[in-house]
Amino acid sequence: MSNPRNWSAKVTRESNALDLEEGVFTWKDPKKIAQSLKKSADASTRRKTTPYRSAMSMLVFYINRAGKHLDEGQKRILEQAKYELRKLYDKLA
């Protein structure tokens, strides 16, 4: 039986909605992270909502679940990736 404390890592690894590139949330380029998430969401036939919402949900999920274990620099990069994702989907207000 898997450790219940590691359920979020399992969700990130085995998401049924998106096929993520390995290590995408550890990358140092927010644009590259956003482009990868967009590519995965656009290509998915298993997601239950729009590509934008699926991609953003996965990013926010990762930030929230890994948040206290992320160093400040990587957290900042992932927050910037949210902005880049909004730009890619033309969702800036």
N, C-alpha and C. Protein backbone atom coordinates (compact mmCIF):
# COMPACT_ATOMS: atom_id res chain seq x y z
N MET A 1 0.85 -1.19 0.00
CA MET A 1 0.00 0.00 0.00
C MET A 1 0.89 1.25 0.00
N SER A 2 0.52 2.24 -0.79
CA SER A 2 1.35 3.44 -0.88
C SER A 2 1.15 4.33 0.34
N ASN A 3 2.12 5.13 0.60
CA ASN A 3 2.09 6.05 1.71
C ASN A 3 1.03 7.13 1.45
N PRO A 4 0.04 7.31 2.33
CA PRO A 4 -0.99 8.31 2.12
C PRO A 4 -0.44 9.73 2.04
N ARG A 5 0.75 9.95 2.58
CA ARG A 5 1.36 11.27 2.53
C ARG A 5 1.86 11.60 1.13
N ASN A 6 2.00 10.61 0.27
CA ASN A 6 2.54 10.82 -1.07
C ASN A 6 1.46 10.81 -2.15
N TRP A 7 0.20 10.95 -1.76
CA TRP A 7 -0.88 10.87 -2.74
C TRP A 7 -0.80 11.97 -3.79
N SER A 8 -0.34 13.16 -3.41
CA SER A 8 -0.29 14.25 -4.39
C SER A 8 0.80 14.00 -5.44
N ALA A 9 1.90 13.39 -5.03
CA ALA A 9 2.94 13.04 -6.00
C ALA A 9 2.40 12.01 -6.99
N LYS A 10 1.61 11.08 -6.49
CA LYS A 10 1.00 10.07 -7.36
C LYS A 10 0.05 10.73 -8.35
N VAL A 11 -0.75 11.68 -7.90
CA VAL A 11 -1.68 12.38 -8.80
C VAL A 11 -0.89 13.11 -9.88
N THR A 12 0.17 13.79 -9.50
CA THR A 12 0.99 14.51 -10.46
C THR A 12 1.60 13.56 -11.49
N ARG A 13 2.10 12.42 -11.01
CA ARG A 13 2.72 11.43 -11.90
C ARG A 13 1.72 10.73 -12.79
N GLU A 14 0.56 10.39 -12.23
CA GLU A 14 -0.36 9.50 -12.92
C GLU A 14 -1.68 10.17 -13.28
N SER A 15 -1.67 11.48 -13.45
CA SER A 15 -2.89 12.19 -13.80
C SER A 15 -3.58 11.53 -14.99
N ASN A 16 -4.85 11.27 -14.84
CA ASN A 16 -5.59 10.68 -15.93
C ASN A 16 -5.97 11.71 -16.98
N ALA A 17 -5.93 12.97 -16.63
CA ALA A 17 -6.36 14.01 -17.56
C ALA A 17 -5.24 14.50 -18.47
N LEU A 18 -4.03 14.59 -17.94
CA LEU A 18 -2.92 15.15 -18.71
C LEU A 18 -1.71 14.23 -18.67
N ASP A 19 -1.03 14.12 -19.79
CA ASP A 19 0.25 13.42 -19.86
C ASP A 19 1.34 14.48 -19.76
N LEU A 20 1.90 14.64 -18.58
CA LEU A 20 2.89 15.69 -18.34
C LEU A 20 4.28 15.22 -18.73
N GLU A 21 5.08 16.17 -19.21
CA GLU A 21 6.48 15.86 -19.47
C GLU A 21 7.18 15.65 -18.12
N GLU A 22 8.09 14.72 -18.08
CA GLU A 22 8.79 14.40 -16.84
C GLU A 22 9.53 15.63 -16.31
N GLY A 23 9.32 15.91 -15.03
CA GLY A 23 10.03 16.99 -14.36
C GLY A 23 9.56 18.39 -14.70
N VAL A 24 8.42 18.51 -15.36
CA VAL A 24 7.96 19.83 -15.84
C VAL A 24 7.92 20.87 -14.73
N PHE A 25 7.57 20.48 -13.52
CA PHE A 25 7.45 21.45 -12.43
C PHE A 25 8.78 21.79 -11.78
N THR A 26 9.86 21.17 -12.24
CA THR A 26 11.19 21.49 -11.72
C THR A 26 11.98 22.37 -12.67
N TRP A 27 11.43 22.61 -13.85
CA TRP A 27 12.13 23.42 -14.84
C TRP A 27 12.28 24.86 -14.34
N LYS A 28 13.26 25.57 -14.88
CA LYS A 28 13.57 26.93 -14.43
C LYS A 28 13.00 28.02 -15.34
N ASP A 29 12.36 27.64 -16.44
CA ASP A 29 11.83 28.61 -17.40
C ASP A 29 10.30 28.58 -17.37
N PRO A 30 9.66 29.64 -16.82
CA PRO A 30 8.21 29.66 -16.70
C PRO A 30 7.48 29.54 -18.05
N LYS A 31 8.06 30.12 -19.10
CA LYS A 31 7.44 30.02 -20.43
C LYS A 31 7.44 28.58 -20.91
N LYS A 32 8.55 27.89 -20.69
CA LYS A 32 8.67 26.50 -21.12
C LYS A 32 7.68 25.61 -20.34
N ILE A 33 7.53 25.88 -19.05
CA ILE A 33 6.57 25.14 -18.23
C ILE A 33 5.15 25.36 -18.78
N ALA A 34 4.80 26.61 -19.02
CA ALA A 34 3.46 26.94 -19.53
C ALA A 34 3.22 26.31 -20.90
N GLN A 35 4.21 26.36 -21.77
CA GLN A 35 4.05 25.77 -23.10
C GLN A 35 3.86 24.26 -23.01
N SER A 36 4.58 23.61 -22.11
CA SER A 36 4.45 22.18 -21.94
C SER A 36 3.07 21.82 -21.40
N LEU A 37 2.60 22.57 -20.41
CA LEU A 37 1.26 22.32 -19.86
C LEU A 37 0.19 22.54 -20.92
N LYS A 38 0.34 23.58 -21.72
CA LYS A 38 -0.62 23.86 -22.79
C LYS A 38 -0.62 22.73 -23.81
N LYS A 39 0.55 22.30 -24.19
CA LYS A 39 0.66 21.20 -25.17
C LYS A 39 -0.03 19.94 -24.63
N SER A 40 0.22 19.62 -23.37
CA SER A 40 -0.39 18.43 -22.76
C SER A 40 -1.91 18.56 -22.69
N ALA A 41 -2.38 19.73 -22.27
CA ALA A 41 -3.83 19.94 -22.12
C ALA A 41 -4.53 19.95 -23.48
N ASP A 42 -3.92 20.60 -24.46
CA ASP A 42 -4.53 20.65 -25.79
C ASP A 42 -4.60 19.27 -26.44
N ALA A 43 -3.63 18.43 -26.16
CA ALA A 43 -3.56 17.10 -26.78
C ALA A 43 -4.43 16.07 -26.06
N SER A 44 -4.80 16.35 -24.82
CA SER A 44 -5.52 15.36 -24.03
C SER A 44 -6.94 15.13 -24.54
N THR A 45 -7.31 13.86 -24.59
CA THR A 45 -8.69 13.50 -24.92
C THR A 45 -9.42 13.01 -23.67
N ARG A 46 -8.74 13.04 -22.52
CA ARG A 46 -9.32 12.52 -21.29
C ARG A 46 -9.73 13.61 -20.30
N ARG A 47 -9.43 14.84 -20.60
CA ARG A 47 -9.76 15.91 -19.65
C ARG A 47 -11.27 16.13 -19.65
N LYS A 48 -11.76 16.68 -18.54
CA LYS A 48 -13.20 16.88 -18.37
C LYS A 48 -13.62 18.34 -18.49
N THR A 49 -12.68 19.20 -18.77
CA THR A 49 -12.98 20.62 -18.89
C THR A 49 -12.14 21.20 -20.03
N THR A 50 -12.09 22.51 -20.14
CA THR A 50 -11.32 23.13 -21.22
C THR A 50 -9.83 22.89 -21.03
N PRO A 51 -9.07 22.95 -22.11
CA PRO A 51 -7.61 22.78 -21.96
C PRO A 51 -7.00 23.78 -20.98
N TYR A 52 -7.44 25.03 -21.05
CA TYR A 52 -6.90 26.06 -20.15
C TYR A 52 -7.13 25.68 -18.69
N ARG A 53 -8.36 25.31 -18.37
CA ARG A 53 -8.68 24.98 -16.97
C ARG A 53 -7.92 23.73 -16.51
N SER A 54 -7.77 22.75 -17.38
CA SER A 54 -7.03 21.55 -17.01
C SER A 54 -5.57 21.87 -16.72
N ALA A 55 -4.96 22.66 -17.59
CA ALA A 55 -3.55 23.02 -17.41
C ALA A 55 -3.36 23.86 -16.15
N MET A 56 -4.21 24.85 -15.97
CA MET A 56 -4.08 25.72 -14.79
C MET A 56 -4.36 24.94 -13.52
N SER A 57 -5.33 24.05 -13.55
CA SER A 57 -5.65 23.25 -12.37
C SER A 57 -4.47 22.38 -11.95
N MET A 58 -3.80 21.79 -12.92
CA MET A 58 -2.66 20.93 -12.59
C MET A 58 -1.53 21.77 -12.00
N LEU A 59 -1.29 22.95 -12.55
CA LEU A 59 -0.24 23.83 -12.03
C LEU A 59 -0.56 24.29 -10.62
N VAL A 60 -1.78 24.75 -10.40
CA VAL A 60 -2.18 25.22 -9.07
C VAL A 60 -2.15 24.06 -8.07
N PHE A 61 -2.62 22.89 -8.49
CA PHE A 61 -2.58 21.71 -7.62
C PHE A 61 -1.15 21.45 -7.16
N TYR A 62 -0.22 21.48 -8.10
CA TYR A 62 1.17 21.21 -7.76
C TYR A 62 1.71 22.26 -6.79
N ILE A 63 1.45 23.53 -7.07
CA ILE A 63 1.93 24.61 -6.19
C ILE A 63 1.36 24.44 -4.78
N ASN A 64 0.07 24.16 -4.69
CA ASN A 64 -0.58 24.04 -3.39
C ASN A 64 -0.10 22.81 -2.62
N ARG A 65 0.06 21.70 -3.28
CA ARG A 65 0.45 20.46 -2.62
C ARG A 65 1.93 20.43 -2.27
N ALA A 66 2.77 20.94 -3.15
CA ALA A 66 4.22 20.91 -2.92
C ALA A 66 4.70 22.19 -2.26
N GLY A 67 3.82 23.15 -2.09
CA GLY A 67 4.17 24.49 -1.66
C GLY A 67 5.14 24.61 -0.51
N LYS A 68 4.88 23.89 0.59
CA LYS A 68 5.75 24.05 1.75
C LYS A 68 7.10 23.38 1.56
N HIS A 69 7.21 22.54 0.54
CA HIS A 69 8.49 21.87 0.26
C HIS A 69 9.24 22.51 -0.91
N LEU A 70 8.63 23.49 -1.56
CA LEU A 70 9.28 24.18 -2.68
C LEU A 70 10.19 25.28 -2.14
N ASP A 71 11.35 25.45 -2.75
CA ASP A 71 12.14 26.60 -2.36
C ASP A 71 11.51 27.84 -2.99
N GLU A 72 11.79 28.98 -2.42
CA GLU A 72 11.14 30.22 -2.85
C GLU A 72 11.38 30.52 -4.33
N GLY A 73 12.57 30.22 -4.82
CA GLY A 73 12.88 30.48 -6.23
C GLY A 73 12.01 29.66 -7.16
N GLN A 74 11.83 28.37 -6.88
CA GLN A 74 11.01 27.53 -7.73
C GLN A 74 9.54 27.90 -7.61
N LYS A 75 9.10 28.28 -6.42
CA LYS A 75 7.71 28.71 -6.25
C LYS A 75 7.44 29.97 -7.09
N ARG A 76 8.40 30.87 -7.11
CA ARG A 76 8.28 32.09 -7.90
C ARG A 76 8.20 31.75 -9.40
N ILE A 77 9.01 30.81 -9.84
CA ILE A 77 8.99 30.37 -11.24
C ILE A 77 7.62 29.78 -11.59
N LEU A 78 7.07 28.97 -10.71
CA LEU A 78 5.76 28.36 -10.98
C LEU A 78 4.64 29.40 -10.97
N GLU A 79 4.75 30.39 -10.10
CA GLU A 79 3.77 31.49 -10.11
C GLU A 79 3.87 32.26 -11.43
N GLN A 80 5.08 32.47 -11.93
CA GLN A 80 5.25 33.14 -13.23
C GLN A 80 4.69 32.27 -14.35
N ALA A 81 4.78 30.96 -14.20
CA ALA A 81 4.24 30.05 -15.20
C ALA A 81 2.72 30.20 -15.30
N LYS A 82 2.07 30.51 -14.19
CA LYS A 82 0.62 30.75 -14.23
C LYS A 82 0.33 31.95 -15.13
N TYR A 83 1.10 33.00 -14.99
CA TYR A 83 0.95 34.19 -15.84
C TYR A 83 1.19 33.84 -17.30
N GLU A 84 2.25 33.08 -17.56
CA GLU A 84 2.57 32.68 -18.94
C GLU A 84 1.47 31.81 -19.54
N LEU A 85 0.88 30.96 -18.73
CA LEU A 85 -0.22 30.12 -19.19
C LEU A 85 -1.43 30.97 -19.56
N ARG A 86 -1.72 31.96 -18.73
CA ARG A 86 -2.82 32.89 -19.05
C ARG A 86 -2.55 33.60 -20.38
N LYS A 87 -1.30 34.02 -20.59
CA LYS A 87 -0.95 34.67 -21.86
C LYS A 87 -1.16 33.73 -23.05
N LEU A 88 -0.72 32.49 -22.91
CA LEU A 88 -0.84 31.53 -24.01
C LEU A 88 -2.31 31.28 -24.40
N TYR A 89 -3.17 31.31 -23.41
CA TYR A 89 -4.59 31.06 -23.67
C TYR A 89 -5.39 32.36 -23.81
N ASP A 90 -4.68 33.48 -23.88
CA ASP A 90 -5.33 34.79 -24.05
C ASP A 90 -6.37 35.05 -22.93
N LYS A 91 -5.96 34.80 -21.70
CA LYS A 91 -6.86 34.94 -20.54
C LYS A 91 -6.44 36.06 -19.62
N LEU A 92 -5.63 36.98 -20.09
CA LEU A 92 -5.22 38.10 -19.22
C LEU A 92 -6.35 39.12 -19.17
N ALA A 93 -6.62 39.60 -17.99
CA ALA A 93 -7.71 40.56 -17.81
C ALA A 93 -7.27 41.96 -18.13
